[in-house]
Amino acid sequence: MGRRQFERPKKRAGPLMYKLIFHPQVKKQAKKLHPQDQKRFIKAVSRLEKSPFSKSLYIKRLINTRSGYRLRIGDFRVLYSINKKEKIIYVWEVGYRGGIY
């Protein structure tokens, strides 16, 4: 009998990251956040970019929108939408809870 040849499993690339697009107002809104909250914002958005549907992030779907979501980061919120086909996350608003809705 001949030797069996085993195929090595192909290495899979990690999940494709989503591309982040920020509305021009988001940069201005983020600058108004407390410096510590700005760091938390950057960290949370980078995690969102890698896995936008992660259970570890505090995400809720917004009512009366097609693809709108809310990311909770302490006392402030990030409002965004997701285009799953093109793998794009569009962040349209950032602010503290009292003034964002």
C-alpha atoms as a PDB file:
ATOM      1  CA  MET A   1       0.000   0.000   0.000  1.00  0.00           C
ATOM      2  CA  GLY A   2       1.083   3.509  -0.729  1.00  0.00           C
ATOM      3  CA  ARG A   3       1.627   6.171   1.828  1.00  0.00           C
ATOM      4  CA  ARG A   4      -1.246   8.345   2.748  1.00  0.00           C
ATOM      5  CA  GLN A   5      -0.725  11.951   2.026  1.00  0.00           C
ATOM      6  CA  PHE A   6      -2.412  14.326   4.330  1.00  0.00           C
ATOM      7  CA  GLU A   7      -3.256  17.818   3.301  1.00  0.00           C
ATOM      8  CA  ARG A   8      -2.323  20.489   5.716  1.00  0.00           C
ATOM      9  CA  PRO A   9      -5.254  22.627   6.683  1.00  0.00           C
ATOM     10  CA  LYS A  10      -5.121  25.967   4.974  1.00  0.00           C
ATOM     11  CA  LYS A  11      -4.434  28.863   7.244  1.00  0.00           C
ATOM     12  CA  ARG A  12      -7.463  31.031   7.501  1.00  0.00           C
ATOM     13  CA  ALA A  13      -7.069  34.713   7.649  1.00  0.00           C
ATOM     14  CA  GLY A  14      -8.643  36.288  10.698  1.00  0.00           C
ATOM     15  CA  PRO A  15     -12.026  37.896  10.328  1.00  0.00           C
ATOM     16  CA  LEU A  16     -11.922  40.869   8.056  1.00  0.00           C
ATOM     17  CA  MET A  17     -11.990  44.125   9.914  1.00  0.00           C
ATOM     18  CA  TYR A  18     -14.629  46.661   9.136  1.00  0.00           C
ATOM     19  CA  LYS A  19     -13.641  50.053   7.789  1.00  0.00           C
ATOM     20  CA  LEU A  20     -14.515  52.997  10.043  1.00  0.00           C
ATOM     21  CA  ILE A  21     -15.864  56.211   8.571  1.00  0.00           C
ATOM     22  CA  PHE A  22     -16.549  59.182  10.833  1.00  0.00           C
ATOM     23  CA  HIS A  23     -18.964  62.008  10.151  1.00  0.00           C
ATOM     24  CA  PRO A  24     -17.061  65.338  10.240  1.00  0.00           C
ATOM     25  CA  GLN A  25     -18.978  66.400  13.369  1.00  0.00           C
ATOM     26  CA  VAL A  26     -17.759  63.334  15.298  1.00  0.00           C
ATOM     27  CA  LYS A  27     -14.223  64.685  15.549  1.00  0.00           C
ATOM     28  CA  LYS A  28     -15.518  67.934  17.036  1.00  0.00           C
ATOM     29  CA  GLN A  29     -17.823  66.043  19.402  1.00  0.00           C
ATOM     30  CA  ALA A  30     -15.013  63.725  20.515  1.00  0.00           C
ATOM     31  CA  LYS A  31     -12.803  66.712  21.370  1.00  0.00           C
ATOM     32  CA  LYS A  32     -15.522  67.930  23.764  1.00  0.00           C
ATOM     33  CA  LEU A  33     -15.305  64.698  25.757  1.00  0.00           C
ATOM     34  CA  HIS A  34     -13.230  64.488  28.933  1.00  0.00           C
ATOM     35  CA  PRO A  35      -9.629  63.394  28.099  1.00  0.00           C
ATOM     36  CA  GLN A  36     -10.117  60.080  29.897  1.00  0.00           C
ATOM     37  CA  ASP A  37     -13.339  59.501  27.930  1.00  0.00           C
ATOM     38  CA  GLN A  38     -11.502  60.303  24.704  1.00  0.00           C
ATOM     39  CA  LYS A  39      -9.094  57.423  25.415  1.00  0.00           C
ATOM     40  CA  ARG A  40     -12.018  55.114  26.187  1.00  0.00           C
ATOM     41  CA  PHE A  41     -13.695  56.225  22.938  1.00  0.00           C
ATOM     42  CA  ILE A  42     -10.614  55.361  20.854  1.00  0.00           C
ATOM     43  CA  LYS A  43     -10.245  51.982  22.559  1.00  0.00           C
ATOM     44  CA  ALA A  44     -13.934  51.087  22.158  1.00  0.00           C
ATOM     45  CA  VAL A  45     -14.071  52.151  18.510  1.00  0.00           C
ATOM     46  CA  SER A  46     -11.003  50.057  17.700  1.00  0.00           C
ATOM     47  CA  ARG A  47     -12.697  47.051  19.333  1.00  0.00           C
ATOM     48  CA  LEU A  48     -15.848  47.847  17.368  1.00  0.00           C
ATOM     49  CA  GLU A  49     -13.827  47.883  14.153  1.00  0.00           C
ATOM     50  CA  LYS A  50     -12.523  44.370  14.820  1.00  0.00           C
ATOM     51  CA  SER A  51     -15.812  42.789  15.899  1.00  0.00           C
ATOM     52  CA  PRO A  52     -18.898  44.999  15.565  1.00  0.00           C
ATOM     53  CA  PHE A  53     -21.256  42.327  16.896  1.00  0.00           C
ATOM     54  CA  SER A  54     -19.239  41.330  19.967  1.00  0.00           C
ATOM     55  CA  LYS A  55     -21.213  40.409  23.076  1.00  0.00           C
ATOM     56  CA  SER A  56     -18.606  42.123  25.271  1.00  0.00           C
ATOM     57  CA  LEU A  57     -19.513  45.563  23.888  1.00  0.00           C
ATOM     58  CA  TYR A  58     -22.670  47.250  25.145  1.00  0.00           C
ATOM     59  CA  ILE A  59     -24.472  47.488  21.807  1.00  0.00           C
ATOM     60  CA  LYS A  60     -28.171  47.965  21.161  1.00  0.00           C
ATOM     61  CA  ARG A  61     -30.026  48.370  17.928  1.00  0.00           C
ATOM     62  CA  LEU A  62     -31.763  51.732  17.561  1.00  0.00           C
ATOM     63  CA  ILE A  63     -35.519  51.735  17.067  1.00  0.00           C
ATOM     64  CA  ASN A  64     -36.927  53.196  13.825  1.00  0.00           C
ATOM     65  CA  THR A  65     -33.656  52.923  11.917  1.00  0.00           C
ATOM     66  CA  ARG A  66     -32.622  50.366   9.345  1.00  0.00           C
ATOM     67  CA  SER A  67     -29.081  49.783  10.455  1.00  0.00           C
ATOM     68  CA  GLY A  68     -28.537  52.121  13.404  1.00  0.00           C
ATOM     69  CA  TYR A  69     -26.798  50.984  16.570  1.00  0.00           C
ATOM     70  CA  ARG A  70     -25.779  52.507  19.887  1.00  0.00           C
ATOM     71  CA  LEU A  71     -22.530  51.705  21.670  1.00  0.00           C
ATOM     72  CA  ARG A  72     -22.522  52.521  25.368  1.00  0.00           C
ATOM     73  CA  ILE A  73     -19.214  53.572  26.893  1.00  0.00           C
ATOM     74  CA  GLY A  74     -19.812  54.669  30.478  1.00  0.00           C
ATOM     75  CA  ASP A  75     -21.745  57.945  30.457  1.00  0.00           C
ATOM     76  CA  PHE A  76     -21.432  58.624  26.747  1.00  0.00           C
ATOM     77  CA  ARG A  77     -22.782  56.980  23.616  1.00  0.00           C
ATOM     78  CA  VAL A  78     -21.608  56.362  20.074  1.00  0.00           C
ATOM     79  CA  LEU A  79     -24.291  56.189  17.378  1.00  0.00           C
ATOM     80  CA  TYR A  80     -23.363  54.386  14.185  1.00  0.00           C
ATOM     81  CA  SER A  81     -24.657  52.288  11.311  1.00  0.00           C
ATOM     82  CA  ILE A  82     -23.235  49.165   9.683  1.00  0.00           C
ATOM     83  CA  ASN A  83     -23.107  48.209   6.027  1.00  0.00           C
ATOM     84  CA  LYS A  84     -22.503  44.461   6.217  1.00  0.00           C
ATOM     85  CA  LYS A  85     -21.994  43.935   2.487  1.00  0.00           C
ATOM     86  CA  GLU A  86     -19.233  46.520   2.178  1.00  0.00           C
ATOM     87  CA  LYS A  87     -17.939  46.009   5.752  1.00  0.00           C
ATOM     88  CA  ILE A  88     -18.236  49.669   6.665  1.00  0.00           C
ATOM     89  CA  ILE A  89     -19.108  51.217  10.025  1.00  0.00           C
ATOM     90  CA  TYR A  90     -20.291  54.819   9.765  1.00  0.00           C
ATOM     91  CA  VAL A  91     -20.088  56.688  13.076  1.00  0.00           C
ATOM     92  CA  TRP A  92     -22.423  59.671  12.959  1.00  0.00           C
ATOM     93  CA  GLU A  93     -22.632  60.964  16.542  1.00  0.00           C
ATOM     94  CA  VAL A  94     -20.751  60.881  19.852  1.00  0.00           C
ATOM     95  CA  GLY A  95     -21.821  62.515  23.074  1.00  0.00           C
ATOM     96  CA  TYR A  96     -22.909  62.200  26.661  1.00  0.00           C
ATOM     97  CA  ARG A  97     -26.105  60.359  27.369  1.00  0.00           C
ATOM     98  CA  GLY A  98     -28.205  63.402  28.227  1.00  0.00           C
ATOM     99  CA  GLY A  99     -27.638  65.250  24.980  1.00  0.00           C
ATOM    100  CA  ILE A 100     -27.280  62.598  22.329  1.00  0.00           C
ATOM    101  CA  TYR A 101     -30.822  61.304  21.946  1.00  0.00           C
END
